[in-house]
Amino acid sequence: QVQLVESGGGLVQPGGSLRLSCAASGIATSVNTILWYRQPPGKQREFIAYITRIGNTNYADSVKGRFTISRDNAKNTVYLQMSSLKPEDTAVYYCSALSFWGQGTQVTVSS
């Protein structure tokens, strides 16, 4: 049974940083592409970043240069390091793999 569990969300001031985690079970993060998405309030879910099994990464233009995706195969966990956060980054953040989704973690950027 595949499970993805996001954590690390919270309230942060503009310009701050957060690191989200996506802990996987039932699949290996080392051999699967893991993606991060977000859904801002009242908007559709949007792609943020992915990391492939060979470590290639890709980012949405809106977060390029501010967010970094990485993984720890020993912990079977993928991370999303978010820096220089803006109010428009406020959203529920989800990780996904093989058409499975986590429950999401709320990130709120506000002063």
Protein backbone atom coordinates (compact mmCIF):
# COMPACT_ATOMS: atom_id res chain seq x y z
CA GLN A 1 0.00 0.00 0.00
CA VAL A 2 1.43 3.33 -1.09
CA GLN A 3 1.37 6.17 1.41
CA LEU A 4 2.74 9.68 1.08
CA VAL A 5 2.77 11.89 4.16
CA GLU A 6 3.63 15.56 3.93
CA SER A 7 4.79 17.60 6.90
CA GLY A 8 6.61 20.80 7.72
CA GLY A 9 3.99 23.37 6.80
CA GLY A 10 3.09 26.32 8.96
CA LEU A 11 2.89 30.08 9.23
CA VAL A 12 5.91 32.05 8.08
CA GLN A 13 6.58 35.72 7.43
CA PRO A 14 7.32 37.00 3.93
CA GLY A 15 10.96 36.41 3.11
CA GLY A 16 11.14 33.43 5.43
CA SER A 17 11.90 29.79 4.78
CA LEU A 18 10.32 26.42 5.35
CA ARG A 19 11.26 22.86 4.53
CA LEU A 20 8.51 20.45 3.62
CA SER A 21 8.93 16.70 3.83
CA CYS A 22 7.22 13.92 1.93
CA ALA A 23 7.71 10.58 3.63
CA ALA A 24 6.92 7.65 1.37
CA SER A 25 6.00 4.08 2.15
CA GLY A 26 5.09 1.33 -0.26
CA ILE A 27 7.28 2.87 -2.96
CA ALA A 28 10.93 3.75 -3.15
CA THR A 29 11.77 7.40 -3.71
CA SER A 30 15.07 6.28 -5.23
CA VAL A 31 13.41 4.75 -8.30
CA ASN A 32 10.34 6.90 -8.78
CA THR A 33 9.70 10.45 -9.87
CA ILE A 34 8.31 12.41 -6.95
CA LEU A 35 6.39 15.62 -7.58
CA TRP A 36 5.28 18.55 -5.47
CA TYR A 37 2.11 20.47 -6.22
CA ARG A 38 0.25 23.20 -4.41
CA GLN A 39 -3.30 24.49 -4.33
CA PRO A 40 -3.73 28.14 -3.38
CA PRO A 41 -7.05 29.14 -1.79
CA GLY A 42 -9.78 29.27 -4.40
CA LYS A 43 -7.48 28.14 -7.19
CA GLN A 44 -6.61 24.95 -9.02
CA ARG A 45 -3.79 22.67 -8.01
CA GLU A 46 -0.54 23.58 -9.79
CA PHE A 47 2.77 21.88 -10.43
CA ILE A 48 5.74 23.07 -8.38
CA ALA A 49 8.67 20.70 -8.83
CA TYR A 50 9.77 17.15 -9.49
CA ILE A 51 12.80 14.98 -8.98
CA THR A 52 13.43 11.87 -11.07
CA ARG A 53 15.05 8.62 -10.07
CA ILE A 54 18.34 9.78 -11.55
CA GLY A 55 18.15 13.11 -9.76
CA ASN A 56 16.99 15.38 -12.54
CA THR A 57 14.86 18.23 -11.25
CA ASN A 58 12.43 20.68 -12.75
CA TYR A 59 10.59 23.66 -11.31
CA ALA A 60 7.67 25.89 -12.12
CA ASP A 61 8.78 29.35 -13.18
CA SER A 62 7.01 30.85 -10.17
CA VAL A 63 9.35 29.10 -7.72
CA LYS A 64 12.55 28.70 -9.74
CA GLY A 65 15.53 30.00 -7.81
CA ARG A 66 13.61 30.02 -4.51
CA PHE A 67 12.58 26.37 -4.02
CA THR A 68 14.82 23.31 -4.08
CA ILE A 69 13.66 19.71 -4.26
CA SER A 70 15.88 16.95 -2.90
CA ARG A 71 15.63 13.48 -1.47
CA ASP A 72 17.14 11.22 1.15
CA ASN A 73 16.92 7.66 -0.14
CA ALA A 74 17.91 6.22 3.22
CA LYS A 75 14.87 7.88 4.77
CA ASN A 76 12.69 7.35 1.68
CA THR A 77 11.78 11.01 1.93
CA VAL A 78 11.67 13.89 -0.52
CA TYR A 79 12.06 17.48 0.63
CA LEU A 80 11.02 20.85 -0.68
CA GLN A 81 13.18 23.65 0.68
CA MET A 82 11.35 26.93 0.24
CA SER A 83 13.10 30.27 0.64
CA SER A 84 12.24 33.92 0.04
CA LEU A 85 8.61 33.03 0.60
CA LYS A 86 5.91 35.37 -0.66
CA PRO A 87 2.26 35.73 0.32
CA GLU A 88 1.32 34.21 -3.04
CA ASP A 89 3.09 30.99 -1.97
CA THR A 90 0.26 30.43 0.51
CA ALA A 91 -1.32 27.11 -0.39
CA VAL A 92 -1.81 23.51 0.58
CA TYR A 93 1.26 21.63 -0.63
CA TYR A 94 0.99 18.04 -1.84
CA CYS A 95 3.47 15.41 -2.93
CA SER A 96 2.62 12.81 -5.51
CA ALA A 97 4.03 9.65 -7.06
CA LEU A 98 2.57 6.99 -9.33
CA SER A 99 -0.82 8.72 -9.22
CA PHE A 100 -0.88 8.57 -5.42
CA TRP A 101 -1.25 11.73 -3.37
CA GLY A 102 -0.57 12.75 0.17
CA GLN A 103 -3.05 14.59 2.37
CA GLY A 104 -1.26 17.91 2.01
CA THR A 105 0.33 20.38 4.40
CA GLN A 106 -0.74 24.00 4.77
CA VAL A 107 1.76 26.78 4.17
CA THR A 108 0.71 30.31 5.04
CA VAL A 109 2.95 33.26 4.27
CA SER A 110 1.78 36.34 6.10
CA SER A 111 3.02 39.12 8.30
